[in-house]
PDB file of N, CA and C in Angstrom:
ATOM      1  N   MET A   1       0.828  -1.194   0.000  1.00  0.00           N
ATOM      2  CA  MET A   1       0.000   0.000   0.000  1.00  0.00           C
ATOM      3  C   MET A   1       0.870   1.254   0.000  1.00  0.00           C
ATOM      4  N   ASN A   2       2.010   1.164   0.670  1.00  0.00           N
ATOM      5  CA  ASN A   2       2.906   2.309   0.751  1.00  0.00           C
ATOM      6  C   ASN A   2       3.460   2.674  -0.626  1.00  0.00           C
ATOM      7  N   ASN A   3       3.682   1.644  -1.469  1.00  0.00           N
ATOM      8  CA  ASN A   3       4.178   1.905  -2.817  1.00  0.00           C
ATOM      9  C   ASN A   3       3.168   2.688  -3.643  1.00  0.00           C
ATOM     10  N   VAL A   4       1.891   2.388  -3.466  1.00  0.00           N
ATOM     11  CA  VAL A   4       0.843   3.090  -4.210  1.00  0.00           C
ATOM     12  C   VAL A   4       0.781   4.551  -3.784  1.00  0.00           C
ATOM     13  N   ILE A   5       0.850   4.802  -2.502  1.00  0.00           N
ATOM     14  CA  ILE A   5       0.824   6.174  -1.995  1.00  0.00           C
ATOM     15  C   ILE A   5       2.039   6.947  -2.489  1.00  0.00           C
ATOM     16  N   GLN A   6       3.201   6.312  -2.465  1.00  0.00           N
ATOM     17  CA  GLN A   6       4.422   6.969  -2.952  1.00  0.00           C
ATOM     18  C   GLN A   6       4.322   7.260  -4.454  1.00  0.00           C
ATOM     19  N   PHE A   7       3.712   6.341  -5.194  1.00  0.00           N
ATOM     20  CA  PHE A   7       3.520   6.555  -6.629  1.00  0.00           C
ATOM     21  C   PHE A   7       2.690   7.811  -6.886  1.00  0.00           C
ATOM     22  N   PHE A   8       1.579   7.961  -6.174  1.00  0.00           N
ATOM     23  CA  PHE A   8       0.731   9.133  -6.364  1.00  0.00           C
ATOM     24  C   PHE A   8       1.419  10.418  -5.917  1.00  0.00           C
ATOM     25  N   LYS A   9       2.192  10.354  -4.849  1.00  0.00           N
ATOM     26  CA  LYS A   9       2.944  11.536  -4.409  1.00  0.00           C
ATOM     27  C   LYS A   9       3.976  11.942  -5.460  1.00  0.00           C
ATOM     28  N   ASP A  10       4.692  10.959  -6.006  1.00  0.00           N
ATOM     29  CA  ASP A  10       5.689  11.250  -7.039  1.00  0.00           C
ATOM     30  C   ASP A  10       5.032  11.773  -8.315  1.00  0.00           C
ATOM     31  N   SER A  11       3.902  11.184  -8.667  1.00  0.00           N
ATOM     32  CA  SER A  11       3.183  11.634  -9.864  1.00  0.00           C
ATOM     33  C   SER A  11       2.714  13.076  -9.700  1.00  0.00           C
ATOM     34  N   TRP A  12       2.151  13.392  -8.547  1.00  0.00           N
ATOM     35  CA  TRP A  12       1.671  14.753  -8.300  1.00  0.00           C
ATOM     36  C   TRP A  12       2.829  15.756  -8.334  1.00  0.00           C
ATOM     37  N   HIS A  13       3.955  15.382  -7.754  1.00  0.00           N
ATOM     38  CA  HIS A  13       5.126  16.257  -7.769  1.00  0.00           C
ATOM     39  C   HIS A  13       5.602  16.497  -9.199  1.00  0.00           C
ATOM     40  N   GLU A  14       5.636  15.457  -9.996  1.00  0.00           N
ATOM     41  CA  GLU A  14       6.097  15.608 -11.375  1.00  0.00           C
ATOM     42  C   GLU A  14       5.144  16.483 -12.188  1.00  0.00           C
ATOM     43  N   ILE A  15       3.838  16.283 -12.014  1.00  0.00           N
ATOM     44  CA  ILE A  15       2.855  17.066 -12.772  1.00  0.00           C
ATOM     45  C   ILE A  15       2.900  18.534 -12.372  1.00  0.00           C
ATOM     46  N   THR A  16       3.053  18.816 -11.096  1.00  0.00           N
ATOM     47  CA  THR A  16       2.998  20.205 -10.628  1.00  0.00           C
ATOM     48  C   THR A  16       4.327  20.937 -10.722  1.00  0.00           C
ATOM     49  N   SER A  17       5.450  20.209 -10.696  1.00  0.00           N
ATOM     50  CA  SER A  17       6.745  20.887 -10.611  1.00  0.00           C
ATOM     51  C   SER A  17       7.633  20.710 -11.832  1.00  0.00           C
ATOM     52  N   GLU A  18       7.560  19.578 -12.491  1.00  0.00           N
ATOM     53  CA  GLU A  18       8.540  19.271 -13.520  1.00  0.00           C
ATOM     54  C   GLU A  18       7.986  19.312 -14.941  1.00  0.00           C
ATOM     55  N   VAL A  19       6.685  19.359 -15.094  1.00  0.00           N
ATOM     56  CA  VAL A  19       6.081  19.392 -16.426  1.00  0.00           C
ATOM     57  C   VAL A  19       5.960  20.847 -16.875  1.00  0.00           C
ATOM     58  N   THR A  20       6.327  21.101 -18.116  1.00  0.00           N
ATOM     59  CA  THR A  20       6.161  22.438 -18.687  1.00  0.00           C
ATOM     60  C   THR A  20       4.849  22.465 -19.467  1.00  0.00           C
ATOM     61  N   TRP A  21       3.891  23.208 -18.951  1.00  0.00           N
ATOM     62  CA  TRP A  21       2.583  23.277 -19.589  1.00  0.00           C
ATOM     63  C   TRP A  21       2.567  24.425 -20.595  1.00  0.00           C
ATOM     64  N   PRO A  22       1.910  24.235 -21.737  1.00  0.00           N
ATOM     65  CA  PRO A  22       1.836  25.316 -22.731  1.00  0.00           C
ATOM     66  C   PRO A  22       0.936  26.448 -22.238  1.00  0.00           C
ATOM     67  N   GLU A  23       1.138  27.621 -22.824  1.00  0.00           N
ATOM     68  CA  GLU A  23       0.300  28.759 -22.444  1.00  0.00           C
ATOM     69  C   GLU A  23      -1.075  28.615 -23.083  1.00  0.00           C
ATOM     70  N   TRP A  24      -2.044  29.352 -22.512  1.00  0.00           N
ATOM     71  CA  TRP A  24      -3.430  29.239 -22.947  1.00  0.00           C
ATOM     72  C   TRP A  24      -3.589  29.635 -24.412  1.00  0.00           C
ATOM     73  N   SER A  25      -2.900  30.672 -24.860  1.00  0.00           N
ATOM     74  CA  SER A  25      -3.020  31.103 -26.256  1.00  0.00           C
ATOM     75  C   SER A  25      -2.482  30.040 -27.205  1.00  0.00           C
ATOM     76  N   SER A  26      -1.434  29.352 -26.801  1.00  0.00           N
ATOM     77  CA  SER A  26      -0.893  28.267 -27.621  1.00  0.00           C
ATOM     78  C   SER A  26      -1.882  27.110 -27.715  1.00  0.00           C
ATOM     79  N   LEU A  27      -2.535  26.797 -26.619  1.00  0.00           N
ATOM     80  CA  LEU A  27      -3.541  25.733 -26.635  1.00  0.00           C
ATOM     81  C   LEU A  27      -4.718  26.096 -27.532  1.00  0.00           C
ATOM     82  N   GLN A  28      -5.144  27.365 -27.474  1.00  0.00           N
ATOM     83  CA  GLN A  28      -6.255  27.799 -28.307  1.00  0.00           C
ATOM     84  C   GLN A  28      -5.910  27.727 -29.783  1.00  0.00           C
ATOM     85  N   SER A  29      -4.717  28.158 -30.150  1.00  0.00           N
ATOM     86  CA  SER A  29      -4.342  28.117 -31.563  1.00  0.00           C
ATOM     87  C   SER A  29      -4.197  26.670 -32.041  1.00  0.00           C
ATOM     88  N   SER A  30      -3.678  25.793 -31.200  1.00  0.00           N
ATOM     89  CA  SER A  30      -3.569  24.381 -31.570  1.00  0.00           C
ATOM     90  C   SER A  30      -4.952  23.748 -31.732  1.00  0.00           C
ATOM     91  N   ALA A  31      -5.850  24.063 -30.823  1.00  0.00           N
ATOM     92  CA  ALA A  31      -7.203  23.519 -30.910  1.00  0.00           C
ATOM     93  C   ALA A  31      -7.910  24.020 -32.162  1.00  0.00           C
ATOM     94  N   THR A  32      -7.711  25.280 -32.506  1.00  0.00           N
ATOM     95  CA  THR A  32      -8.317  25.835 -33.716  1.00  0.00           C
ATOM     96  C   THR A  32      -7.769  25.149 -34.956  1.00  0.00           C
ATOM     97  N   LEU A  33      -6.472  24.920 -34.983  1.00  0.00           N
ATOM     98  CA  LEU A  33      -5.853  24.238 -36.108  1.00  0.00           C
ATOM     99  C   LEU A  33      -6.400  22.821 -36.263  1.00  0.00           C
ATOM    100  N   VAL A  34      -6.542  22.109 -35.167  1.00  0.00           N
ATOM    101  CA  VAL A  34      -7.085  20.746 -35.212  1.00  0.00           C
ATOM    102  C   VAL A  34      -8.531  20.767 -35.688  1.00  0.00           C
ATOM    103  N   LEU A  35      -9.316  21.717 -35.227  1.00  0.00           N
ATOM    104  CA  LEU A  35     -10.711  21.820 -35.642  1.00  0.00           C
ATOM    105  C   LEU A  35     -10.823  22.087 -37.135  1.00  0.00           C
ATOM    106  N   VAL A  36     -10.061  23.034 -37.647  1.00  0.00           N
ATOM    107  CA  VAL A  36     -10.101  23.368 -39.071  1.00  0.00           C
ATOM    108  C   VAL A  36      -9.629  22.178 -39.912  1.00  0.00           C
ATOM    109  N   ALA A  37      -8.555  21.537 -39.504  1.00  0.00           N
ATOM    110  CA  ALA A  37      -8.048  20.380 -40.244  1.00  0.00           C
ATOM    111  C   ALA A  37      -9.058  19.237 -40.239  1.00  0.00           C
ATOM    112  N   SER A  38      -9.747  19.038 -39.126  1.00  0.00           N
ATOM    113  CA  SER A  38     -10.753  17.978 -39.041  1.00  0.00           C
ATOM    114  C   SER A  38     -11.931  18.263 -39.957  1.00  0.00           C
ATOM    115  N   ILE A  39     -12.354  19.517 -40.009  1.00  0.00           N
ATOM    116  CA  ILE A  39     -13.472  19.887 -40.889  1.00  0.00           C
ATOM    117  C   ILE A  39     -13.077  19.701 -42.353  1.00  0.00           C
ATOM    118  N   ILE A  40     -11.888  20.135 -42.725  1.00  0.00           N
ATOM    119  CA  ILE A  40     -11.421  19.968 -44.106  1.00  0.00           C
ATOM    120  C   ILE A  40     -11.331  18.483 -44.455  1.00  0.00           C
ATOM    121  N   PHE A  41     -10.776  17.681 -43.570  1.00  0.00           N
ATOM    122  CA  PHE A  41     -10.654  16.246 -43.813  1.00  0.00           C
ATOM    123  C   PHE A  41     -12.032  15.605 -43.970  1.00  0.00           C
ATOM    124  N   ALA A  42     -12.986  15.985 -43.117  1.00  0.00           N
ATOM    125  CA  ALA A  42     -14.338  15.433 -43.198  1.00  0.00           C
ATOM    126  C   ALA A  42     -14.998  15.819 -44.516  1.00  0.00           C
ATOM    127  N   LEU A  43     -14.809  17.063 -44.964  1.00  0.00           N
ATOM    128  CA  LEU A  43     -15.385  17.482 -46.245  1.00  0.00           C
ATOM    129  C   LEU A  43     -14.770  16.721 -47.412  1.00  0.00           C
ATOM    130  N   VAL A  44     -13.465  16.498 -47.379  1.00  0.00           N
ATOM    131  CA  VAL A  44     -12.807  15.751 -48.459  1.00  0.00           C
ATOM    132  C   VAL A  44     -13.311  14.312 -48.492  1.00  0.00           C
ATOM    133  N   VAL A  45     -13.362  13.656 -47.347  1.00  0.00           N
ATOM    134  CA  VAL A  45     -13.835  12.274 -47.293  1.00  0.00           C
ATOM    135  C   VAL A  45     -15.305  12.196 -47.709  1.00  0.00           C
ATOM    136  N   GLY A  46     -16.112  13.151 -47.252  1.00  0.00           N
ATOM    137  CA  GLY A  46     -17.520  13.177 -47.656  1.00  0.00           C
ATOM    138  C   GLY A  46     -17.679  13.394 -49.148  1.00  0.00           C
ATOM    139  N   GLY A  47     -16.864  14.266 -49.721  1.00  0.00           N
ATOM    140  CA  GLY A  47     -16.917  14.500 -51.169  1.00  0.00           C
ATOM    141  C   GLY A  47     -16.524  13.269 -51.954  1.00  0.00           C
ATOM    142  N   ILE A  48     -15.472  12.600 -51.530  1.00  0.00           N
ATOM    143  CA  ILE A  48     -15.052  11.366 -52.208  1.00  0.00           C
ATOM    144  C   ILE A  48     -16.139  10.305 -52.096  1.00  0.00           C
ATOM    145  N   ASP A  49     -16.744  10.176 -50.920  1.00  0.00           N
ATOM    146  CA  ASP A  49     -17.830   9.221 -50.731  1.00  0.00           C
ATOM    147  C   ASP A  49     -19.007   9.545 -51.648  1.00  0.00           C
ATOM    148  N   PHE A  50     -19.357  10.814 -51.753  1.00  0.00           N
ATOM    149  CA  PHE A  50     -20.463  11.230 -52.612  1.00  0.00           C
ATOM    150  C   PHE A  50     -20.177  10.893 -54.073  1.00  0.00           C
ATOM    151  N   ILE A  51     -18.974  11.175 -54.542  1.00  0.00           N
ATOM    152  CA  ILE A  51     -18.601  10.909 -55.932  1.00  0.00           C
ATOM    153  C   ILE A  51     -18.611   9.407 -56.216  1.00  0.00           C
ATOM    154  N   ILE A  52     -18.024   8.618 -55.339  1.00  0.00           N
ATOM    155  CA  ILE A  52     -17.978   7.170 -55.560  1.00  0.00           C
ATOM    156  C   ILE A  52     -19.376   6.571 -55.520  1.00  0.00           C
ATOM    157  N   THR A  53     -20.214   7.007 -54.585  1.00  0.00           N
ATOM    158  CA  THR A  53     -21.582   6.495 -54.488  1.00  0.00           C
ATOM    159  C   THR A  53     -22.358   6.789 -55.762  1.00  0.00           C
ATOM    160  N   ASN A  54     -22.290   8.024 -56.233  1.00  0.00           N
ATOM    161  CA  ASN A  54     -23.025   8.378 -57.447  1.00  0.00           C
ATOM    162  C   ASN A  54     -22.467   7.663 -58.672  1.00  0.00           C
ATOM    163  N   ALA A  55     -21.155   7.501 -58.752  1.00  0.00           N
ATOM    164  CA  ALA A  55     -20.559   6.792 -59.887  1.00  0.00           C
ATOM    165  C   ALA A  55     -20.994   5.329 -59.897  1.00  0.00           C
ATOM    166  N   LEU A  56     -20.993   4.682 -58.746  1.00  0.00           N
ATOM    167  CA  LEU A  56     -21.422   3.286 -58.685  1.00  0.00           C
ATOM    168  C   LEU A  56     -22.903   3.140 -59.008  1.00  0.00           C
ATOM    169  N   GLU A  57     -23.737   4.050 -58.494  1.00  0.00           N
ATOM    170  CA  GLU A  57     -25.166   3.995 -58.817  1.00  0.00           C
ATOM    171  C   GLU A  57     -25.385   4.188 -60.316  1.00  0.00           C
ATOM    172  N   PHE A  58     -24.661   5.093 -60.925  1.00  0.00           N
ATOM    173  CA  PHE A  58     -24.784   5.329 -62.372  1.00  0.00           C
ATOM    174  C   PHE A  58     -24.368   4.071 -63.146  1.00  0.00           C
ATOM    175  N   LEU A  59     -23.259   3.464 -62.750  1.00  0.00           N
ATOM    176  CA  LEU A  59     -22.790   2.268 -63.438  1.00  0.00           C
ATOM    177  C   LEU A  59     -23.757   1.085 -63.257  1.00  0.00           C
ATOM    178  N   LEU A  60     -24.286   0.918 -62.068  1.00  0.00           N
ATOM    179  CA  LEU A  60     -25.202  -0.199 -61.813  1.00  0.00           C
ATOM    180  C   LEU A  60     -26.543  -0.004 -62.491  1.00  0.00           C
ATOM    181  N   GLU A  61     -26.996   1.222 -62.655  1.00  0.00           N
ATOM    182  CA  GLU A  61     -28.265   1.465 -63.332  1.00  0.00           C
ATOM    183  C   GLU A  61     -28.136   1.278 -64.834  1.00  0.00           C
ATOM    184  N   SER A  62     -26.948   1.511 -65.370  1.00  0.00           N
ATOM    185  CA  SER A  62     -26.779   1.414 -66.815  1.00  0.00           C
ATOM    186  C   SER A  62     -26.550  -0.034 -67.268  1.00  0.00           C
ATOM    187  N   ILE A  63     -26.381  -0.958 -66.330  1.00  0.00           N
ATOM    188  CA  ILE A  63     -26.151  -2.364 -66.716  1.00  0.00           C
ATOM    189  C   ILE A  63     -27.447  -3.072 -66.951  1.00  0.00           C
TER     190      ILE A  63
END
């Protein structure tokens, strides 16, 4: 049990004292970049899906 308590004490010390956390503005810009990239990726995948679906439907109807 003592090992578990020591683990949590060491973890808390490392998180509060030794970790360098990014500034809030840096986090906001990173989050914005991820959001924009995710939206662009979703639109590209959706567009490809739309094109392939319509192409397959056209080919299957013409047979």
